[in-house]
Amino acid sequence: MRIIVKDEMSMKLITNVVDESGGCEGFKFRILIISEAFGGKRTLQSHRMVQAALAPIMGETHALTICAYTPEKWSQMTSDDRLNAGCLDLADDN
């Protein structure tokens, strides 16, 4: 699923989400988010931003894999980088 939304700071977000719940209790998602909002942030800070945005469902979430990058970082990553990060199949631009 590909979603393009605007956040509170009017920065474009490109998000791909894969629901891997497969009948298990709770949600299991892999998510790719490319946004300028992650500029200057460390990985943990970016992940916390995503978790905060998903706060309403985090209590029901069993597993969450987050791939959060700036557009610049994403464009610099090779296919091998994306594969190692666990988000190659989430990308539309492979």
PDB file of N, CA and C in Angstrom:
ATOM      1  N   MET A   1       0.856  -1.163   0.000  1.00  0.00           N
ATOM      2  CA  MET A   1       0.000   0.000   0.000  1.00  0.00           C
ATOM      3  C   MET A   1       0.904   1.228   0.000  1.00  0.00           C
ATOM      4  N   ARG A   2       0.651   2.159  -0.858  1.00  0.00           N
ATOM      5  CA  ARG A   2       1.427   3.402  -0.928  1.00  0.00           C
ATOM      6  C   ARG A   2       0.527   4.545  -0.507  1.00  0.00           C
ATOM      7  N   ILE A   3       1.027   5.352   0.421  1.00  0.00           N
ATOM      8  CA  ILE A   3       0.253   6.464   0.955  1.00  0.00           C
ATOM      9  C   ILE A   3       1.100   7.721   0.847  1.00  0.00           C
ATOM     10  N   ILE A   4       0.534   8.785   0.323  1.00  0.00           N
ATOM     11  CA  ILE A   4       1.222  10.075   0.321  1.00  0.00           C
ATOM     12  C   ILE A   4       0.344  11.032   1.112  1.00  0.00           C
ATOM     13  N   VAL A   5       0.902  11.576   2.177  1.00  0.00           N
ATOM     14  CA  VAL A   5       0.148  12.472   3.048  1.00  0.00           C
ATOM     15  C   VAL A   5       0.983  13.702   3.359  1.00  0.00           C
ATOM     16  N   LYS A   6       0.369  14.664   3.984  1.00  0.00           N
ATOM     17  CA  LYS A   6       1.077  15.853   4.469  1.00  0.00           C
ATOM     18  C   LYS A   6       1.045  15.819   5.987  1.00  0.00           C
ATOM     19  N   ASP A   7       2.166  16.086   6.615  1.00  0.00           N
ATOM     20  CA  ASP A   7       2.184  16.144   8.075  1.00  0.00           C
ATOM     21  C   ASP A   7       1.919  17.575   8.521  1.00  0.00           C
ATOM     22  N   GLU A   8       1.965  17.801   9.831  1.00  0.00           N
ATOM     23  CA  GLU A   8       1.663  19.112  10.385  1.00  0.00           C
ATOM     24  C   GLU A   8       2.594  20.198   9.873  1.00  0.00           C
ATOM     25  N   MET A   9       3.798  19.839   9.468  1.00  0.00           N
ATOM     26  CA  MET A   9       4.777  20.809   9.010  1.00  0.00           C
ATOM     27  C   MET A   9       4.739  20.957   7.490  1.00  0.00           C
ATOM     28  N   SER A  10       3.700  20.396   6.861  1.00  0.00           N
ATOM     29  CA  SER A  10       3.520  20.451   5.405  1.00  0.00           C
ATOM     30  C   SER A  10       4.703  19.852   4.656  1.00  0.00           C
ATOM     31  N   MET A  11       5.295  18.816   5.225  1.00  0.00           N
ATOM     32  CA  MET A  11       6.369  18.115   4.537  1.00  0.00           C
ATOM     33  C   MET A  11       5.803  16.827   3.951  1.00  0.00           C
ATOM     34  N   LYS A  12       6.135  16.558   2.729  1.00  0.00           N
ATOM     35  CA  LYS A  12       5.620  15.390   2.041  1.00  0.00           C
ATOM     36  C   LYS A  12       6.169  14.118   2.676  1.00  0.00           C
ATOM     37  N   LEU A  13       5.289  13.183   2.917  1.00  0.00           N
ATOM     38  CA  LEU A  13       5.663  11.870   3.413  1.00  0.00           C
ATOM     39  C   LEU A  13       5.308  10.839   2.356  1.00  0.00           C
ATOM     40  N   ILE A  14       6.219   9.948   2.071  1.00  0.00           N
ATOM     41  CA  ILE A  14       5.920   8.826   1.188  1.00  0.00           C
ATOM     42  C   ILE A  14       6.029   7.584   2.051  1.00  0.00           C
ATOM     43  N   THR A  15       4.940   6.823   2.129  1.00  0.00           N
ATOM     44  CA  THR A  15       4.887   5.704   3.057  1.00  0.00           C
ATOM     45  C   THR A  15       4.393   4.455   2.350  1.00  0.00           C
ATOM     46  N   ASN A  16       5.098   3.378   2.528  1.00  0.00           N
ATOM     47  CA  ASN A  16       4.651   2.071   2.076  1.00  0.00           C
ATOM     48  C   ASN A  16       4.499   1.196   3.310  1.00  0.00           C
ATOM     49  N   VAL A  17       3.380   0.499   3.401  1.00  0.00           N
ATOM     50  CA  VAL A  17       3.076  -0.316   4.574  1.00  0.00           C
ATOM     51  C   VAL A  17       2.745  -1.729   4.122  1.00  0.00           C
ATOM     52  N   VAL A  18       3.324  -2.721   4.807  1.00  0.00           N
ATOM     53  CA  VAL A  18       2.988  -4.115   4.570  1.00  0.00           C
ATOM     54  C   VAL A  18       2.451  -4.681   5.873  1.00  0.00           C
ATOM     55  N   ASP A  19       1.236  -5.201   5.827  1.00  0.00           N
ATOM     56  CA  ASP A  19       0.623  -5.842   6.985  1.00  0.00           C
ATOM     57  C   ASP A  19       0.979  -7.318   6.940  1.00  0.00           C
ATOM     58  N   GLU A  20       1.777  -7.771   7.900  1.00  0.00           N
ATOM     59  CA  GLU A  20       2.212  -9.165   7.976  1.00  0.00           C
ATOM     60  C   GLU A  20       1.552  -9.888   9.142  1.00  0.00           C
ATOM     61  N   SER A  21       0.416  -9.382   9.602  1.00  0.00           N
ATOM     62  CA  SER A  21      -0.241  -9.944  10.783  1.00  0.00           C
ATOM     63  C   SER A  21      -0.599 -11.407  10.586  1.00  0.00           C
ATOM     64  N   GLY A  22      -1.115 -11.751   9.437  1.00  0.00           N
ATOM     65  CA  GLY A  22      -1.371 -13.149   9.108  1.00  0.00           C
ATOM     66  C   GLY A  22      -2.160 -13.924  10.148  1.00  0.00           C
ATOM     67  N   GLY A  23      -3.116 -13.309  10.789  1.00  0.00           N
ATOM     68  CA  GLY A  23      -3.946 -14.016  11.753  1.00  0.00           C
ATOM     69  C   GLY A  23      -3.412 -14.029  13.172  1.00  0.00           C
ATOM     70  N   CYS A  24      -2.231 -13.481  13.394  1.00  0.00           N
ATOM     71  CA  CYS A  24      -1.711 -13.450  14.759  1.00  0.00           C
ATOM     72  C   CYS A  24      -2.452 -12.388  15.567  1.00  0.00           C
ATOM     73  N   GLU A  25      -2.376 -12.498  16.867  1.00  0.00           N
ATOM     74  CA  GLU A  25      -3.002 -11.487  17.717  1.00  0.00           C
ATOM     75  C   GLU A  25      -2.167 -10.223  17.662  1.00  0.00           C
ATOM     76  N   GLY A  26      -2.806  -9.125  17.410  1.00  0.00           N
ATOM     77  CA  GLY A  26      -2.101  -7.858  17.306  1.00  0.00           C
ATOM     78  C   GLY A  26      -1.618  -7.613  15.893  1.00  0.00           C
ATOM     79  N   PHE A  27      -1.224  -6.375  15.664  1.00  0.00           N
ATOM     80  CA  PHE A  27      -0.750  -5.975  14.349  1.00  0.00           C
ATOM     81  C   PHE A  27       0.729  -6.301  14.192  1.00  0.00           C
ATOM     82  N   LYS A  28       1.113  -6.618  12.954  1.00  0.00           N
ATOM     83  CA  LYS A  28       2.523  -6.804  12.604  1.00  0.00           C
ATOM     84  C   LYS A  28       2.730  -6.085  11.271  1.00  0.00           C
ATOM     85  N   PHE A  29       3.482  -4.991  11.328  1.00  0.00           N
ATOM     86  CA  PHE A  29       3.684  -4.157  10.148  1.00  0.00           C
ATOM     87  C   PHE A  29       5.165  -3.982   9.832  1.00  0.00           C
ATOM     88  N   ARG A  30       5.432  -3.819   8.539  1.00  0.00           N
ATOM     89  CA  ARG A  30       6.708  -3.282   8.079  1.00  0.00           C
ATOM     90  C   ARG A  30       6.347  -2.000   7.359  1.00  0.00           C
ATOM     91  N   ILE A  31       7.092  -0.940   7.649  1.00  0.00           N
ATOM     92  CA  ILE A  31       6.725   0.373   7.127  1.00  0.00           C
ATOM     93  C   ILE A  31       7.967   1.107   6.623  1.00  0.00           C
ATOM     94  N   LEU A  32       7.832   1.717   5.461  1.00  0.00           N
ATOM     95  CA  LEU A  32       8.878   2.557   4.878  1.00  0.00           C
ATOM     96  C   LEU A  32       8.340   3.970   4.844  1.00  0.00           C
ATOM     97  N   ILE A  33       9.075   4.885   5.438  1.00  0.00           N
ATOM     98  CA  ILE A  33       8.681   6.288   5.437  1.00  0.00           C
ATOM     99  C   ILE A  33       9.872   7.109   4.957  1.00  0.00           C
ATOM    100  N   ILE A  34       9.635   7.912   3.932  1.00  0.00           N
ATOM    101  CA  ILE A  34      10.657   8.807   3.395  1.00  0.00           C
ATOM    102  C   ILE A  34      10.147  10.220   3.607  1.00  0.00           C
ATOM    103  N   SER A  35      10.871  11.002   4.414  1.00  0.00           N
ATOM    104  CA  SER A  35      10.399  12.342   4.745  1.00  0.00           C
ATOM    105  C   SER A  35      11.553  13.249   5.132  1.00  0.00           C
ATOM    106  N   GLU A  36      11.430  14.509   4.768  1.00  0.00           N
ATOM    107  CA  GLU A  36      12.391  15.520   5.200  1.00  0.00           C
ATOM    108  C   GLU A  36      12.349  15.698   6.721  1.00  0.00           C
ATOM    109  N   ALA A  37      11.256  15.292   7.344  1.00  0.00           N
ATOM    110  CA  ALA A  37      11.115  15.438   8.792  1.00  0.00           C
ATOM    111  C   ALA A  37      12.195  14.685   9.558  1.00  0.00           C
ATOM    112  N   PHE A  38      12.839  13.709   8.923  1.00  0.00           N
ATOM    113  CA  PHE A  38      13.888  12.937   9.577  1.00  0.00           C
ATOM    114  C   PHE A  38      15.274  13.571   9.432  1.00  0.00           C
ATOM    115  N   GLY A  39      15.356  14.677   8.739  1.00  0.00           N
ATOM    116  CA  GLY A  39      16.635  15.361   8.542  1.00  0.00           C
ATOM    117  C   GLY A  39      17.279  15.745   9.859  1.00  0.00           C
ATOM    118  N   GLY A  40      18.549  15.401  10.019  1.00  0.00           N
ATOM    119  CA  GLY A  40      19.292  15.735  11.226  1.00  0.00           C
ATOM    120  C   GLY A  40      18.977  14.849  12.419  1.00  0.00           C
ATOM    121  N   LYS A  41      18.135  13.836  12.216  1.00  0.00           N
ATOM    122  CA  LYS A  41      17.754  12.944  13.309  1.00  0.00           C
ATOM    123  C   LYS A  41      18.560  11.654  13.238  1.00  0.00           C
ATOM    124  N   ARG A  42      18.838  11.095  14.398  1.00  0.00           N
ATOM    125  CA  ARG A  42      19.438   9.762  14.466  1.00  0.00           C
ATOM    126  C   ARG A  42      18.327   8.735  14.230  1.00  0.00           C
ATOM    127  N   THR A  43      18.714   7.508  13.923  1.00  0.00           N
ATOM    128  CA  THR A  43      17.740   6.448  13.643  1.00  0.00           C
ATOM    129  C   THR A  43      16.736   6.302  14.776  1.00  0.00           C
ATOM    130  N   LEU A  44      17.211   6.257  16.006  1.00  0.00           N
ATOM    131  CA  LEU A  44      16.316   6.085  17.146  1.00  0.00           C
ATOM    132  C   LEU A  44      15.314   7.236  17.245  1.00  0.00           C
ATOM    133  N   GLN A  45      15.768   8.454  16.981  1.00  0.00           N
ATOM    134  CA  GLN A  45      14.863   9.605  17.023  1.00  0.00           C
ATOM    135  C   GLN A  45      13.787   9.496  15.943  1.00  0.00           C
ATOM    136  N   SER A  46      14.192   9.078  14.750  1.00  0.00           N
ATOM    137  CA  SER A  46      13.232   8.897  13.655  1.00  0.00           C
ATOM    138  C   SER A  46      12.207   7.828  14.003  1.00  0.00           C
ATOM    139  N   HIS A  47      12.679   6.727  14.570  1.00  0.00           N
ATOM    140  CA  HIS A  47      11.775   5.636  14.936  1.00  0.00           C
ATOM    141  C   HIS A  47      10.803   6.075  16.025  1.00  0.00           C
ATOM    142  N   ARG A  48      11.268   6.862  16.956  1.00  0.00           N
ATOM    143  CA  ARG A  48      10.380   7.363  18.012  1.00  0.00           C
ATOM    144  C   ARG A  48       9.317   8.300  17.445  1.00  0.00           C
ATOM    145  N   MET A  49       9.674   9.071  16.432  1.00  0.00           N
ATOM    146  CA  MET A  49       8.691   9.930  15.774  1.00  0.00           C
ATOM    147  C   MET A  49       7.582   9.089  15.141  1.00  0.00           C
ATOM    148  N   VAL A  50       7.969   8.005  14.482  1.00  0.00           N
ATOM    149  CA  VAL A  50       6.998   7.121  13.846  1.00  0.00           C
ATOM    150  C   VAL A  50       6.129   6.445  14.911  1.00  0.00           C
ATOM    151  N   GLN A  51       6.762   5.959  15.970  1.00  0.00           N
ATOM    152  CA  GLN A  51       6.009   5.308  17.048  1.00  0.00           C
ATOM    153  C   GLN A  51       5.022   6.277  17.691  1.00  0.00           C
ATOM    154  N   ALA A  52       5.421   7.526  17.847  1.00  0.00           N
ATOM    155  CA  ALA A  52       4.518   8.527  18.423  1.00  0.00           C
ATOM    156  C   ALA A  52       3.314   8.751  17.507  1.00  0.00           C
ATOM    157  N   ALA A  53       3.560   8.781  16.199  1.00  0.00           N
ATOM    158  CA  ALA A  53       2.460   8.967  15.246  1.00  0.00           C
ATOM    159  C   ALA A  53       1.509   7.774  15.254  1.00  0.00           C
ATOM    160  N   LEU A  54       2.041   6.599  15.568  1.00  0.00           N
ATOM    161  CA  LEU A  54       1.229   5.375  15.606  1.00  0.00           C
ATOM    162  C   LEU A  54       0.739   5.043  17.009  1.00  0.00           C
ATOM    163  N   ALA A  55       0.903   5.962  17.939  1.00  0.00           N
ATOM    164  CA  ALA A  55       0.540   5.723  19.344  1.00  0.00           C
ATOM    165  C   ALA A  55      -0.851   5.113  19.526  1.00  0.00           C
ATOM    166  N   PRO A  56      -1.865   5.545  18.768  1.00  0.00           N
ATOM    167  CA  PRO A  56      -3.200   4.970  18.979  1.00  0.00           C
ATOM    168  C   PRO A  56      -3.277   3.453  18.766  1.00  0.00           C
ATOM    169  N   ILE A  57      -2.372   2.887  17.957  1.00  0.00           N
ATOM    170  CA  ILE A  57      -2.425   1.442  17.723  1.00  0.00           C
ATOM    171  C   ILE A  57      -1.231   0.689  18.316  1.00  0.00           C
ATOM    172  N   MET A  58      -0.303   1.386  18.941  1.00  0.00           N
ATOM    173  CA  MET A  58       0.896   0.724  19.447  1.00  0.00           C
ATOM    174  C   MET A  58       0.570  -0.325  20.515  1.00  0.00           C
ATOM    175  N   GLY A  59      -0.467  -0.105  21.308  1.00  0.00           N
ATOM    176  CA  GLY A  59      -0.843  -1.081  22.325  1.00  0.00           C
ATOM    177  C   GLY A  59      -1.304  -2.404  21.741  1.00  0.00           C
ATOM    178  N   GLU A  60      -1.806  -2.365  20.516  1.00  0.00           N
ATOM    179  CA  GLU A  60      -2.281  -3.566  19.830  1.00  0.00           C
ATOM    180  C   GLU A  60      -1.256  -4.109  18.839  1.00  0.00           C
ATOM    181  N   THR A  61      -0.099  -3.466  18.763  1.00  0.00           N
ATOM    182  CA  THR A  61       0.914  -3.848  17.780  1.00  0.00           C
ATOM    183  C   THR A  61       1.859  -4.880  18.367  1.00  0.00           C
ATOM    184  N   HIS A  62       1.957  -6.011  17.682  1.00  0.00           N
ATOM    185  CA  HIS A  62       2.820  -7.112  18.101  1.00  0.00           C
ATOM    186  C   HIS A  62       4.257  -6.897  17.619  1.00  0.00           C
ATOM    187  N   ALA A  63       4.394  -6.406  16.378  1.00  0.00           N
ATOM    188  CA  ALA A  63       5.724  -6.186  15.808  1.00  0.00           C
ATOM    189  C   ALA A  63       5.654  -5.044  14.798  1.00  0.00           C
ATOM    190  N   LEU A  64       6.718  -4.255  14.766  1.00  0.00           N
ATOM    191  CA  LEU A  64       6.783  -3.113  13.856  1.00  0.00           C
ATOM    192  C   LEU A  64       8.220  -2.953  13.377  1.00  0.00           C
ATOM    193  N   THR A  65       8.409  -3.071  12.087  1.00  0.00           N
ATOM    194  CA  THR A  65       9.713  -2.821  11.479  1.00  0.00           C
ATOM    195  C   THR A  65       9.623  -1.469  10.784  1.00  0.00           C
ATOM    196  N   ILE A  66      10.503  -0.545  11.178  1.00  0.00           N
ATOM    197  CA  ILE A  66      10.466   0.814  10.648  1.00  0.00           C
ATOM    198  C   ILE A  66      11.707   1.069   9.797  1.00  0.00           C
ATOM    199  N   CYS A  67      11.484   1.516   8.581  1.00  0.00           N
ATOM    200  CA  CYS A  67      12.545   2.009   7.710  1.00  0.00           C
ATOM    201  C   CYS A  67      12.225   3.482   7.480  1.00  0.00           C
ATOM    202  N   ALA A  68      12.958   4.377   8.118  1.00  0.00           N
ATOM    203  CA  ALA A  68      12.676   5.814   8.070  1.00  0.00           C
ATOM    204  C   ALA A  68      13.904   6.561   7.558  1.00  0.00           C
ATOM    205  N   TYR A  69      13.745   7.252   6.420  1.00  0.00           N
ATOM    206  CA  TYR A  69      14.869   7.918   5.775  1.00  0.00           C
ATOM    207  C   TYR A  69      14.458   9.271   5.221  1.00  0.00           C
ATOM    208  N   THR A  70      15.441  10.139   5.056  1.00  0.00           N
ATOM    209  CA  THR A  70      15.214  11.370   4.300  1.00  0.00           C
ATOM    210  C   THR A  70      15.259  11.000   2.815  1.00  0.00           C
ATOM    211  N   PRO A  71      14.672  11.822   1.958  1.00  0.00           N
ATOM    212  CA  PRO A  71      14.760  11.546   0.517  1.00  0.00           C
ATOM    213  C   PRO A  71      16.217  11.455   0.038  1.00  0.00           C
ATOM    214  N   GLU A  72      17.076  12.298   0.584  1.00  0.00           N
ATOM    215  CA  GLU A  72      18.488  12.275   0.191  1.00  0.00           C
ATOM    216  C   GLU A  72      19.142  10.943   0.549  1.00  0.00           C
ATOM    217  N   LYS A  73      18.957  10.494   1.784  1.00  0.00           N
ATOM    218  CA  LYS A  73      19.543   9.226   2.232  1.00  0.00           C
ATOM    219  C   LYS A  73      18.991   8.073   1.407  1.00  0.00           C
ATOM    220  N   TRP A  74      17.683   8.072   1.175  1.00  0.00           N
ATOM    221  CA  TRP A  74      17.051   6.999   0.410  1.00  0.00           C
ATOM    222  C   TRP A  74      17.636   6.930  -1.000  1.00  0.00           C
ATOM    223  N   SER A  75      17.835   8.060  -1.636  1.00  0.00           N
ATOM    224  CA  SER A  75      18.358   8.073  -3.009  1.00  0.00           C
ATOM    225  C   SER A  75      19.808   7.605  -3.074  1.00  0.00           C
ATOM    226  N   GLN A  76      20.535   7.703  -1.965  1.00  0.00           N
ATOM    227  CA  GLN A  76      21.937   7.272  -1.917  1.00  0.00           C
ATOM    228  C   GLN A  76      22.084   5.774  -1.637  1.00  0.00           C
ATOM    229  N   MET A  77      21.026   5.140  -1.153  1.00  0.00           N
ATOM    230  CA  MET A  77      21.101   3.725  -0.795  1.00  0.00           C
ATOM    231  C   MET A  77      21.058   2.843  -2.031  1.00  0.00           C
ATOM    232  N   THR A  78      21.928   1.840  -2.067  1.00  0.00           N
ATOM    233  CA  THR A  78      21.918   0.859  -3.145  1.00  0.00           C
ATOM    234  C   THR A  78      20.866  -0.199  -2.841  1.00  0.00           C
ATOM    235  N   SER A  79      20.599  -1.051  -3.805  1.00  0.00           N
ATOM    236  CA  SER A  79      19.668  -2.164  -3.584  1.00  0.00           C
ATOM    237  C   SER A  79      20.154  -3.053  -2.445  1.00  0.00           C
ATOM    238  N   ASP A  80      21.458  -3.272  -2.368  1.00  0.00           N
ATOM    239  CA  ASP A  80      22.008  -4.081  -1.272  1.00  0.00           C
ATOM    240  C   ASP A  80      21.784  -3.410   0.076  1.00  0.00           C
ATOM    241  N   ASP A  81      21.961  -2.081   0.145  1.00  0.00           N
ATOM    242  CA  ASP A  81      21.700  -1.340   1.380  1.00  0.00           C
ATOM    243  C   ASP A  81      20.242  -1.525   1.805  1.00  0.00           C
ATOM    244  N   ARG A  82      19.350  -1.394   0.841  1.00  0.00           N
ATOM    245  CA  ARG A  82      17.915  -1.512   1.126  1.00  0.00           C
ATOM    246  C   ARG A  82      17.552  -2.933   1.540  1.00  0.00           C
ATOM    247  N   LEU A  83      18.173  -3.919   0.901  1.00  0.00           N
ATOM    248  CA  LEU A  83      17.945  -5.319   1.270  1.00  0.00           C
ATOM    249  C   LEU A  83      18.405  -5.571   2.696  1.00  0.00           C
ATOM    250  N   ASN A  84      19.604  -5.101   3.023  1.00  0.00           N
ATOM    251  CA  ASN A  84      20.142  -5.286   4.376  1.00  0.00           C
ATOM    252  C   ASN A  84      19.318  -4.568   5.434  1.00  0.00           C
ATOM    253  N   ALA A  85      18.673  -3.462   5.061  1.00  0.00           N
ATOM    254  CA  ALA A  85      17.834  -2.712   5.990  1.00  0.00           C
ATOM    255  C   ALA A  85      16.443  -3.343   6.132  1.00  0.00           C
ATOM    256  N   GLY A  86      16.139  -4.321   5.287  1.00  0.00           N
ATOM    257  CA  GLY A  86      14.850  -4.996   5.356  1.00  0.00           C
ATOM    258  C   GLY A  86      13.729  -4.256   4.673  1.00  0.00           C
ATOM    259  N   CYS A  87      14.080  -3.352   3.751  1.00  0.00           N
ATOM    260  CA  CYS A  87      13.019  -2.558   3.122  1.00  0.00           C
ATOM    261  C   CYS A  87      13.090  -2.552   1.600  1.00  0.00           C
ATOM    262  N   LEU A  88      13.891  -3.409   1.006  1.00  0.00           N
ATOM    263  CA  LEU A  88      14.013  -3.426  -0.454  1.00  0.00           C
ATOM    264  C   LEU A  88      12.661  -3.652  -1.120  1.00  0.00           C
ATOM    265  N   ASP A  89      11.884  -4.616  -0.623  1.00  0.00           N
ATOM    266  CA  ASP A  89      10.614  -4.924  -1.255  1.00  0.00           C
ATOM    267  C   ASP A  89       9.536  -3.887  -0.982  1.00  0.00           C
ATOM    268  N   LEU A  90       9.804  -2.937  -0.090  1.00  0.00           N
ATOM    269  CA  LEU A  90       8.843  -1.872   0.186  1.00  0.00           C
ATOM    270  C   LEU A  90       8.983  -0.703  -0.786  1.00  0.00           C
ATOM    271  N   ALA A  91      10.080  -0.690  -1.530  1.00  0.00           N
ATOM    272  CA  ALA A  91      10.378   0.429  -2.414  1.00  0.00           C
ATOM    273  C   ALA A  91       9.719   0.256  -3.777  1.00  0.00           C
ATOM    274  N   ASP A  92       9.204   1.358  -4.300  1.00  0.00           N
ATOM    275  CA  ASP A  92       8.613   1.354  -5.642  1.00  0.00           C
ATOM    276  C   ASP A  92       9.657   1.647  -6.706  1.00  0.00           C
ATOM    277  N   ASP A  93      10.839   2.085  -6.286  1.00  0.00           N
ATOM    278  CA  ASP A  93      11.837   2.556  -7.254  1.00  0.00           C
ATOM    279  C   ASP A  93      13.027   1.626  -7.400  1.00  0.00           C
ATOM    280  N   ASN A  94      12.834   0.316  -7.235  1.00  0.00           N
ATOM    281  CA  ASN A  94      13.953  -0.634  -7.371  1.00  0.00           C
ATOM    282  C   ASN A  94      14.323  -0.835  -8.798  1.00  0.00           C
TER     283      ASN A  94
END
